[in-house]
Amino acid sequence: MTDSPPDRLDVNPRSRFHNPSLLERGIGIALNGKERTDVEEYCISEGWIRVPVGRSLDRRGNAMTFKLKGTVEAWFSDVGRAASAAETTAGV
């Protein structure tokens, strides 16, 4: 298994980007250098994350989300942010 997270990941089991084995490892996300803990979905290449809007739900029972754009960094929690950054600068 690789130590770099996928380009896109979603916590919703109905999404095609949902991967429970990766989510079990724990994913850390930073948007514009600030660590976020409330991320529902992210995409590194497109530069956005989705965060819930309060406790409101849509008509299907899913959390309503808001898309925030910027520079997205992702790492596995069991590896750590510093180790992940060292890998990307080393070209791994």
PDB file of N, CA and C in Angstrom:
ATOM      1  N   MET A   1       0.839  -1.176   0.000  1.00  0.00           N
ATOM      2  CA  MET A   1       0.000   0.000   0.000  1.00  0.00           C
ATOM      3  C   MET A   1       0.883   1.238   0.000  1.00  0.00           C
ATOM      4  N   THR A   2       0.506   2.231  -0.758  1.00  0.00           N
ATOM      5  CA  THR A   2       1.282   3.455  -0.878  1.00  0.00           C
ATOM      6  C   THR A   2       1.027   4.382   0.307  1.00  0.00           C
ATOM      7  N   ASP A   3       1.970   5.267   0.577  1.00  0.00           N
ATOM      8  CA  ASP A   3       1.832   6.202   1.686  1.00  0.00           C
ATOM      9  C   ASP A   3       1.346   7.571   1.235  1.00  0.00           C
ATOM     10  N   SER A   4       0.895   7.696   0.007  1.00  0.00           N
ATOM     11  CA  SER A   4       0.306   8.956  -0.436  1.00  0.00           C
ATOM     12  C   SER A   4      -1.188   8.728  -0.683  1.00  0.00           C
ATOM     13  N   PRO A   5      -2.033   9.616  -0.165  1.00  0.00           N
ATOM     14  CA  PRO A   5      -3.481   9.451  -0.329  1.00  0.00           C
ATOM     15  C   PRO A   5      -3.909   9.662  -1.781  1.00  0.00           C
ATOM     16  N   PRO A   6      -5.099   9.190  -2.138  1.00  0.00           N
ATOM     17  CA  PRO A   6      -5.574   9.349  -3.515  1.00  0.00           C
ATOM     18  C   PRO A   6      -5.879  10.811  -3.831  1.00  0.00           C
ATOM     19  N   ASP A   7      -6.017  11.106  -5.112  1.00  0.00           N
ATOM     20  CA  ASP A   7      -6.316  12.467  -5.552  1.00  0.00           C
ATOM     21  C   ASP A   7      -7.680  12.930  -5.057  1.00  0.00           C
ATOM     22  N   ARG A   8      -8.636  12.004  -4.963  1.00  0.00           N
ATOM     23  CA  ARG A   8      -9.992  12.372  -4.554  1.00  0.00           C
ATOM     24  C   ARG A   8     -10.551  11.287  -3.643  1.00  0.00           C
ATOM     25  N   LEU A   9     -11.223  11.709  -2.571  1.00  0.00           N
ATOM     26  CA  LEU A   9     -11.784  10.764  -1.611  1.00  0.00           C
ATOM     27  C   LEU A   9     -13.034  11.371  -0.995  1.00  0.00           C
ATOM     28  N   ASP A  10     -14.028  10.515  -0.729  1.00  0.00           N
ATOM     29  CA  ASP A  10     -15.306  10.959  -0.168  1.00  0.00           C
ATOM     30  C   ASP A  10     -15.693  10.042   0.983  1.00  0.00           C
ATOM     31  N   VAL A  11     -16.311  10.603   2.026  1.00  0.00           N
ATOM     32  CA  VAL A  11     -16.737   9.802   3.172  1.00  0.00           C
ATOM     33  C   VAL A  11     -18.121   9.181   2.955  1.00  0.00           C
ATOM     34  N   ASN A  12     -18.858   9.640   1.959  1.00  0.00           N
ATOM     35  CA  ASN A  12     -20.200   9.117   1.672  1.00  0.00           C
ATOM     36  C   ASN A  12     -20.083   7.748   1.003  1.00  0.00           C
ATOM     37  N   PRO A  13     -20.659   6.684   1.605  1.00  0.00           N
ATOM     38  CA  PRO A  13     -20.548   5.339   1.026  1.00  0.00           C
ATOM     39  C   PRO A  13     -21.223   5.190  -0.334  1.00  0.00           C
ATOM     40  N   ARG A  14     -22.116   6.083  -0.693  1.00  0.00           N
ATOM     41  CA  ARG A  14     -22.782   6.007  -1.999  1.00  0.00           C
ATOM     42  C   ARG A  14     -21.953   6.610  -3.133  1.00  0.00           C
ATOM     43  N   SER A  15     -20.880   7.289  -2.796  1.00  0.00           N
ATOM     44  CA  SER A  15     -20.039   7.930  -3.800  1.00  0.00           C
ATOM     45  C   SER A  15     -19.101   6.915  -4.443  1.00  0.00           C
ATOM     46  N   ARG A  16     -18.758   7.126  -5.697  1.00  0.00           N
ATOM     47  CA  ARG A  16     -17.800   6.237  -6.356  1.00  0.00           C
ATOM     48  C   ARG A  16     -16.367   6.513  -5.885  1.00  0.00           C
ATOM     49  N   PHE A  17     -16.154   7.622  -5.163  1.00  0.00           N
ATOM     50  CA  PHE A  17     -14.834   7.966  -4.639  1.00  0.00           C
ATOM     51  C   PHE A  17     -14.658   7.532  -3.184  1.00  0.00           C
ATOM     52  N   HIS A  18     -15.592   6.748  -2.665  1.00  0.00           N
ATOM     53  CA  HIS A  18     -15.523   6.247  -1.292  1.00  0.00           C
ATOM     54  C   HIS A  18     -14.624   5.017  -1.246  1.00  0.00           C
ATOM     55  N   ASN A  19     -13.700   5.002  -0.288  1.00  0.00           N
ATOM     56  CA  ASN A  19     -12.803   3.850  -0.111  1.00  0.00           C
ATOM     57  C   ASN A  19     -12.636   3.619   1.389  1.00  0.00           C
ATOM     58  N   PRO A  20     -13.394   2.666   1.962  1.00  0.00           N
ATOM     59  CA  PRO A  20     -13.363   2.476   3.420  1.00  0.00           C
ATOM     60  C   PRO A  20     -12.001   2.066   3.973  1.00  0.00           C
ATOM     61  N   SER A  21     -11.212   1.326   3.220  1.00  0.00           N
ATOM     62  CA  SER A  21      -9.908   0.900   3.736  1.00  0.00           C
ATOM     63  C   SER A  21      -8.966   2.096   3.910  1.00  0.00           C
ATOM     64  N   LEU A  22      -9.048   3.067   3.014  1.00  0.00           N
ATOM     65  CA  LEU A  22      -8.222   4.268   3.152  1.00  0.00           C
ATOM     66  C   LEU A  22      -8.730   5.161   4.277  1.00  0.00           C
ATOM     67  N   LEU A  23     -10.033   5.236   4.442  1.00  0.00           N
ATOM     68  CA  LEU A  23     -10.607   6.061   5.494  1.00  0.00           C
ATOM     69  C   LEU A  23     -10.279   5.511   6.875  1.00  0.00           C
ATOM     70  N   GLU A  24     -10.133   4.188   7.001  1.00  0.00           N
ATOM     71  CA  GLU A  24      -9.756   3.583   8.278  1.00  0.00           C
ATOM     72  C   GLU A  24      -8.366   4.010   8.722  1.00  0.00           C
ATOM     73  N   ARG A  25      -7.492   4.253   7.770  1.00  0.00           N
ATOM     74  CA  ARG A  25      -6.134   4.709   8.101  1.00  0.00           C
ATOM     75  C   ARG A  25      -6.146   6.122   8.659  1.00  0.00           C
ATOM     76  N   GLY A  26      -7.134   6.899   8.272  1.00  0.00           N
ATOM     77  CA  GLY A  26      -7.219   8.288   8.720  1.00  0.00           C
ATOM     78  C   GLY A  26      -6.538   9.204   7.718  1.00  0.00           C
ATOM     79  N   ILE A  27      -7.248  10.230   7.295  1.00  0.00           N
ATOM     80  CA  ILE A  27      -6.735  11.186   6.320  1.00  0.00           C
ATOM     81  C   ILE A  27      -6.684  12.563   6.975  1.00  0.00           C
ATOM     82  N   GLY A  28      -5.562  13.224   6.842  1.00  0.00           N
ATOM     83  CA  GLY A  28      -5.438  14.611   7.288  1.00  0.00           C
ATOM     84  C   GLY A  28      -5.535  15.521   6.081  1.00  0.00           C
ATOM     85  N   ILE A  29      -6.250  16.624   6.219  1.00  0.00           N
ATOM     86  CA  ILE A  29      -6.449  17.556   5.106  1.00  0.00           C
ATOM     87  C   ILE A  29      -6.086  18.957   5.566  1.00  0.00           C
ATOM     88  N   ALA A  30      -5.386  19.695   4.706  1.00  0.00           N
ATOM     89  CA  ALA A  30      -5.111  21.107   4.946  1.00  0.00           C
ATOM     90  C   ALA A  30      -5.541  21.885   3.711  1.00  0.00           C
ATOM     91  N   LEU A  31      -6.229  22.988   3.927  1.00  0.00           N
ATOM     92  CA  LEU A  31      -6.639  23.882   2.844  1.00  0.00           C
ATOM     93  C   LEU A  31      -5.927  25.203   3.065  1.00  0.00           C
ATOM     94  N   ASN A  32      -5.131  25.619   2.082  1.00  0.00           N
ATOM     95  CA  ASN A  32      -4.335  26.853   2.159  1.00  0.00           C
ATOM     96  C   ASN A  32      -3.468  26.883   3.422  1.00  0.00           C
ATOM     97  N   GLY A  33      -2.897  25.733   3.778  1.00  0.00           N
ATOM     98  CA  GLY A  33      -1.986  25.645   4.908  1.00  0.00           C
ATOM     99  C   GLY A  33      -2.639  25.480   6.270  1.00  0.00           C
ATOM    100  N   LYS A  34      -3.969  25.537   6.343  1.00  0.00           N
ATOM    101  CA  LYS A  34      -4.676  25.396   7.621  1.00  0.00           C
ATOM    102  C   LYS A  34      -5.327  24.020   7.678  1.00  0.00           C
ATOM    103  N   GLU A  35      -5.021  23.261   8.740  1.00  0.00           N
ATOM    104  CA  GLU A  35      -5.563  21.910   8.880  1.00  0.00           C
ATOM    105  C   GLU A  35      -7.065  21.955   9.152  1.00  0.00           C
ATOM    106  N   ARG A  36      -7.813  21.082   8.449  1.00  0.00           N
ATOM    107  CA  ARG A  36      -9.268  20.999   8.603  1.00  0.00           C
ATOM    108  C   ARG A  36      -9.645  19.612   9.098  1.00  0.00           C
ATOM    109  N   THR A  37     -10.625  19.545   9.988  1.00  0.00           N
ATOM    110  CA  THR A  37     -11.073  18.255  10.513  1.00  0.00           C
ATOM    111  C   THR A  37     -12.505  17.942  10.113  1.00  0.00           C
ATOM    112  N   ASP A  38     -13.169  18.844   9.391  1.00  0.00           N
ATOM    113  CA  ASP A  38     -14.581  18.675   9.053  1.00  0.00           C
ATOM    114  C   ASP A  38     -14.812  18.394   7.569  1.00  0.00           C
ATOM    115  N   VAL A  39     -13.842  17.824   6.877  1.00  0.00           N
ATOM    116  CA  VAL A  39     -13.917  17.619   5.433  1.00  0.00           C
ATOM    117  C   VAL A  39     -14.743  16.382   5.103  1.00  0.00           C
ATOM    118  N   GLU A  40     -15.723  16.541   4.219  1.00  0.00           N
ATOM    119  CA  GLU A  40     -16.550  15.427   3.731  1.00  0.00           C
ATOM    120  C   GLU A  40     -15.936  14.803   2.470  1.00  0.00           C
ATOM    121  N   GLU A  41     -15.368  15.631   1.614  1.00  0.00           N
ATOM    122  CA  GLU A  41     -14.808  15.176   0.341  1.00  0.00           C
ATOM    123  C   GLU A  41     -13.705  16.152  -0.053  1.00  0.00           C
ATOM    124  N   TYR A  42     -12.698  15.657  -0.778  1.00  0.00           N
ATOM    125  CA  TYR A  42     -11.647  16.543  -1.268  1.00  0.00           C
ATOM    126  C   TYR A  42     -11.174  16.097  -2.639  1.00  0.00           C
ATOM    127  N   CYS A  43     -10.564  17.023  -3.371  1.00  0.00           N
ATOM    128  CA  CYS A  43      -9.918  16.726  -4.644  1.00  0.00           C
ATOM    129  C   CYS A  43      -8.654  17.585  -4.722  1.00  0.00           C
ATOM    130  N   ILE A  44      -7.508  16.947  -4.736  1.00  0.00           N
ATOM    131  CA  ILE A  44      -6.239  17.666  -4.734  1.00  0.00           C
ATOM    132  C   ILE A  44      -5.993  18.341  -6.079  1.00  0.00           C
ATOM    133  N   SER A  45      -6.195  17.621  -7.184  1.00  0.00           N
ATOM    134  CA  SER A  45      -5.869  18.168  -8.504  1.00  0.00           C
ATOM    135  C   SER A  45      -6.760  19.356  -8.885  1.00  0.00           C
ATOM    136  N   GLU A  46      -8.020  19.343  -8.462  1.00  0.00           N
ATOM    137  CA  GLU A  46      -8.921  20.454  -8.776  1.00  0.00           C
ATOM    138  C   GLU A  46      -8.881  21.545  -7.716  1.00  0.00           C
ATOM    139  N   GLY A  47      -8.276  21.269  -6.548  1.00  0.00           N
ATOM    140  CA  GLY A  47      -8.074  22.268  -5.516  1.00  0.00           C
ATOM    141  C   GLY A  47      -9.328  22.671  -4.763  1.00  0.00           C
ATOM    142  N   TRP A  48     -10.103  21.689  -4.254  1.00  0.00           N
ATOM    143  CA  TRP A  48     -11.287  22.015  -3.468  1.00  0.00           C
ATOM    144  C   TRP A  48     -11.550  20.954  -2.407  1.00  0.00           C
ATOM    145  N   ILE A  49     -12.311  21.373  -1.390  1.00  0.00           N
ATOM    146  CA  ILE A  49     -12.813  20.459  -0.367  1.00  0.00           C
ATOM    147  C   ILE A  49     -14.288  20.768  -0.159  1.00  0.00           C
ATOM    148  N   ARG A  50     -15.022  19.807   0.350  1.00  0.00           N
ATOM    149  CA  ARG A  50     -16.426  20.018   0.717  1.00  0.00           C
ATOM    150  C   ARG A  50     -16.555  19.861   2.220  1.00  0.00           C
ATOM    151  N   VAL A  51     -17.195  20.845   2.849  1.00  0.00           N
ATOM    152  CA  VAL A  51     -17.423  20.831   4.292  1.00  0.00           C
ATOM    153  C   VAL A  51     -18.914  20.958   4.549  1.00  0.00           C
ATOM    154  N   PRO A  52     -19.415  20.361   5.632  1.00  0.00           N
ATOM    155  CA  PRO A  52     -20.844  20.444   5.929  1.00  0.00           C
ATOM    156  C   PRO A  52     -21.254  21.862   6.330  1.00  0.00           C
ATOM    157  N   VAL A  53     -22.507  22.187   6.009  1.00  0.00           N
ATOM    158  CA  VAL A  53     -23.084  23.482   6.360  1.00  0.00           C
ATOM    159  C   VAL A  53     -23.954  23.260   7.587  1.00  0.00           C
ATOM    160  N   GLY A  54     -23.402  23.509   8.751  1.00  0.00           N
ATOM    161  CA  GLY A  54     -24.153  23.297   9.990  1.00  0.00           C
ATOM    162  C   GLY A  54     -24.606  21.859  10.134  1.00  0.00           C
ATOM    163  N   ARG A  55     -25.834  21.693  10.594  1.00  0.00           N
ATOM    164  CA  ARG A  55     -26.394  20.343  10.750  1.00  0.00           C
ATOM    165  C   ARG A  55     -27.525  20.096   9.763  1.00  0.00           C
ATOM    166  N   SER A  56     -27.643  20.938   8.745  1.00  0.00           N
ATOM    167  CA  SER A  56     -28.734  20.815   7.784  1.00  0.00           C
ATOM    168  C   SER A  56     -28.522  19.636   6.838  1.00  0.00           C
ATOM    169  N   LEU A  57     -29.629  19.017   6.448  1.00  0.00           N
ATOM    170  CA  LEU A  57     -29.618  17.858   5.552  1.00  0.00           C
ATOM    171  C   LEU A  57     -30.425  18.159   4.309  1.00  0.00           C
ATOM    172  N   ASP A  58     -30.063  17.504   3.204  1.00  0.00           N
ATOM    173  CA  ASP A  58     -30.872  17.630   2.000  1.00  0.00           C
ATOM    174  C   ASP A  58     -32.037  16.642   2.069  1.00  0.00           C
ATOM    175  N   ARG A  59     -32.842  16.579   1.032  1.00  0.00           N
ATOM    176  CA  ARG A  59     -34.047  15.732   1.080  1.00  0.00           C
ATOM    177  C   ARG A  59     -33.750  14.240   1.070  1.00  0.00           C
ATOM    178  N   ARG A  60     -32.510  13.865   0.762  1.00  0.00           N
ATOM    179  CA  ARG A  60     -32.114  12.451   0.790  1.00  0.00           C
ATOM    180  C   ARG A  60     -31.428  12.071   2.097  1.00  0.00           C
ATOM    181  N   GLY A  61     -31.292  13.013   3.012  1.00  0.00           N
ATOM    182  CA  GLY A  61     -30.677  12.738   4.293  1.00  0.00           C
ATOM    183  C   GLY A  61     -29.175  12.934   4.338  1.00  0.00           C
ATOM    184  N   ASN A  62     -28.586  13.439   3.250  1.00  0.00           N
ATOM    185  CA  ASN A  62     -27.145  13.714   3.221  1.00  0.00           C
ATOM    186  C   ASN A  62     -26.884  15.107   3.777  1.00  0.00           C
ATOM    187  N   ALA A  63     -25.721  15.284   4.364  1.00  0.00           N
ATOM    188  CA  ALA A  63     -25.341  16.599   4.874  1.00  0.00           C
ATOM    189  C   ALA A  63     -25.195  17.569   3.704  1.00  0.00           C
ATOM    190  N   MET A  64     -25.731  18.779   3.881  1.00  0.00           N
ATOM    191  CA  MET A  64     -25.533  19.817   2.871  1.00  0.00           C
ATOM    192  C   MET A  64     -24.101  20.305   3.002  1.00  0.00           C
ATOM    193  N   THR A  65     -23.433  20.478   1.876  1.00  0.00           N
ATOM    194  CA  THR A  65     -22.015  20.837   1.903  1.00  0.00           C
ATOM    195  C   THR A  65     -21.759  22.119   1.123  1.00  0.00           C
ATOM    196  N   PHE A  66     -20.625  22.707   1.435  1.00  0.00           N
ATOM    197  CA  PHE A  66     -20.164  23.930   0.799  1.00  0.00           C
ATOM    198  C   PHE A  66     -18.778  23.649   0.244  1.00  0.00           C
ATOM    199  N   LYS A  67     -18.519  24.069  -0.996  1.00  0.00           N
ATOM    200  CA  LYS A  67     -17.223  23.823  -1.624  1.00  0.00           C
ATOM    201  C   LYS A  67     -16.295  25.008  -1.364  1.00  0.00           C
ATOM    202  N   LEU A  68     -15.116  24.703  -0.804  1.00  0.00           N
ATOM    203  CA  LEU A  68     -14.084  25.704  -0.576  1.00  0.00           C
ATOM    204  C   LEU A  68     -12.921  25.418  -1.509  1.00  0.00           C
ATOM    205  N   LYS A  69     -12.402  26.454  -2.171  1.00  0.00           N
ATOM    206  CA  LYS A  69     -11.315  26.271  -3.127  1.00  0.00           C
ATOM    207  C   LYS A  69     -10.015  26.827  -2.587  1.00  0.00           C
ATOM    208  N   GLY A  70      -8.922  26.212  -3.004  1.00  0.00           N
ATOM    209  CA  GLY A  70      -7.593  26.644  -2.593  1.00  0.00           C
ATOM    210  C   GLY A  70      -6.590  25.524  -2.803  1.00  0.00           C
ATOM    211  N   THR A  71      -5.457  25.635  -2.150  1.00  0.00           N
ATOM    212  CA  THR A  71      -4.416  24.616  -2.223  1.00  0.00           C
ATOM    213  C   THR A  71      -4.712  23.531  -1.199  1.00  0.00           C
ATOM    214  N   VAL A  72      -4.893  22.300  -1.689  1.00  0.00           N
ATOM    215  CA  VAL A  72      -5.262  21.179  -0.828  1.00  0.00           C
ATOM    216  C   VAL A  72      -4.062  20.266  -0.631  1.00  0.00           C
ATOM    217  N   GLU A  73      -3.775  19.943   0.630  1.00  0.00           N
ATOM    218  CA  GLU A  73      -2.750  18.958   0.982  1.00  0.00           C
ATOM    219  C   GLU A  73      -3.442  17.817   1.710  1.00  0.00           C
ATOM    220  N   ALA A  74      -3.032  16.597   1.424  1.00  0.00           N
ATOM    221  CA  ALA A  74      -3.614  15.426   2.093  1.00  0.00           C
ATOM    222  C   ALA A  74      -2.494  14.490   2.529  1.00  0.00           C
ATOM    223  N   TRP A  75      -2.696  13.840   3.678  1.00  0.00           N
ATOM    224  CA  TRP A  75      -1.734  12.877   4.205  1.00  0.00           C
ATOM    225  C   TRP A  75      -2.478  11.854   5.034  1.00  0.00           C
ATOM    226  N   PHE A  76      -1.850  10.700   5.215  1.00  0.00           N
ATOM    227  CA  PHE A  76      -2.409   9.681   6.089  1.00  0.00           C
ATOM    228  C   PHE A  76      -2.041  10.023   7.526  1.00  0.00           C
ATOM    229  N   SER A  77      -2.986   9.901   8.432  1.00  0.00           N
ATOM    230  CA  SER A  77      -2.751  10.245   9.836  1.00  0.00           C
ATOM    231  C   SER A  77      -1.725   9.326  10.478  1.00  0.00           C
ATOM    232  N   ASP A  78      -1.672   8.054  10.038  1.00  0.00           N
ATOM    233  CA  ASP A  78      -0.712   7.138  10.640  1.00  0.00           C
ATOM    234  C   ASP A  78       0.720   7.412  10.180  1.00  0.00           C
ATOM    235  N   VAL A  79       0.894   8.119   9.069  1.00  0.00           N
ATOM    236  CA  VAL A  79       2.225   8.480   8.575  1.00  0.00           C
ATOM    237  C   VAL A  79       2.621   9.859   9.099  1.00  0.00           C
ATOM    238  N   GLY A  80       1.698  10.786   9.098  1.00  0.00           N
ATOM    239  CA  GLY A  80       1.973  12.136   9.583  1.00  0.00           C
ATOM    240  C   GLY A  80       2.191  13.110   8.452  1.00  0.00           C
ATOM    241  N   ARG A  81       1.923  14.370   8.739  1.00  0.00           N
ATOM    242  CA  ARG A  81       2.038  15.428   7.738  1.00  0.00           C
ATOM    243  C   ARG A  81       3.488  15.680   7.344  1.00  0.00           C
ATOM    244  N   ALA A  82       4.410  15.707   8.287  1.00  0.00           N
ATOM    245  CA  ALA A  82       5.806  15.991   8.008  1.00  0.00           C
ATOM    246  C   ALA A  82       6.422  14.921   7.121  1.00  0.00           C
ATOM    247  N   ALA A  83       6.108  13.660   7.383  1.00  0.00           N
ATOM    248  CA  ALA A  83       6.639  12.566   6.570  1.00  0.00           C
ATOM    249  C   ALA A  83       6.095  12.618   5.153  1.00  0.00           C
ATOM    250  N   SER A  84       4.821  12.967   5.024  1.00  0.00           N
ATOM    251  CA  SER A  84       4.203  13.062   3.709  1.00  0.00           C
ATOM    252  C   SER A  84       4.822  14.212   2.910  1.00  0.00           C
ATOM    253  N   ALA A  85       5.077  15.344   3.556  1.00  0.00           N
ATOM    254  CA  ALA A  85       5.694  16.487   2.890  1.00  0.00           C
ATOM    255  C   ALA A  85       7.120  16.155   2.454  1.00  0.00           C
ATOM    256  N   ALA A  86       7.840  15.396   3.264  1.00  0.00           N
ATOM    257  CA  ALA A  86       9.205  15.003   2.903  1.00  0.00           C
ATOM    258  C   ALA A  86       9.202  14.101   1.680  1.00  0.00           C
ATOM    259  N   GLU A  87       8.175  13.239   1.551  1.00  0.00           N
ATOM    260  CA  GLU A  87       8.074  12.361   0.381  1.00  0.00           C
ATOM    261  C   GLU A  87       7.853  13.166  -0.891  1.00  0.00           C
ATOM    262  N   THR A  88       6.963  14.167  -0.826  1.00  0.00           N
ATOM    263  CA  THR A  88       6.648  14.935  -2.023  1.00  0.00           C
ATOM    264  C   THR A  88       7.826  15.782  -2.462  1.00  0.00           C
ATOM    265  N   THR A  89       8.612  16.310  -1.509  1.00  0.00           N
ATOM    266  CA  THR A  89       9.786  17.108  -1.892  1.00  0.00           C
ATOM    267  C   THR A  89      10.917  16.221  -2.402  1.00  0.00           C
ATOM    268  N   ALA A  90      10.960  14.974  -1.953  1.00  0.00           N
ATOM    269  CA  ALA A  90      11.985  14.055  -2.400  1.00  0.00           C
ATOM    270  C   ALA A  90      11.664  13.459  -3.765  1.00  0.00           C
ATOM    271  N   GLY A  91      10.417  13.666  -4.243  1.00  0.00           N
ATOM    272  CA  GLY A  91      10.034  13.154  -5.544  1.00  0.00           C
ATOM    273  C   GLY A  91       9.562  11.716  -5.534  1.00  0.00           C
ATOM    274  N   VAL A  92       9.143  11.225  -4.428  1.00  0.00           N
ATOM    275  CA  VAL A  92       8.661   9.828  -4.322  1.00  0.00           C
ATOM    276  C   VAL A  92       7.243   9.758  -4.764  1.00  0.00           C
TER     277      VAL A  92
END
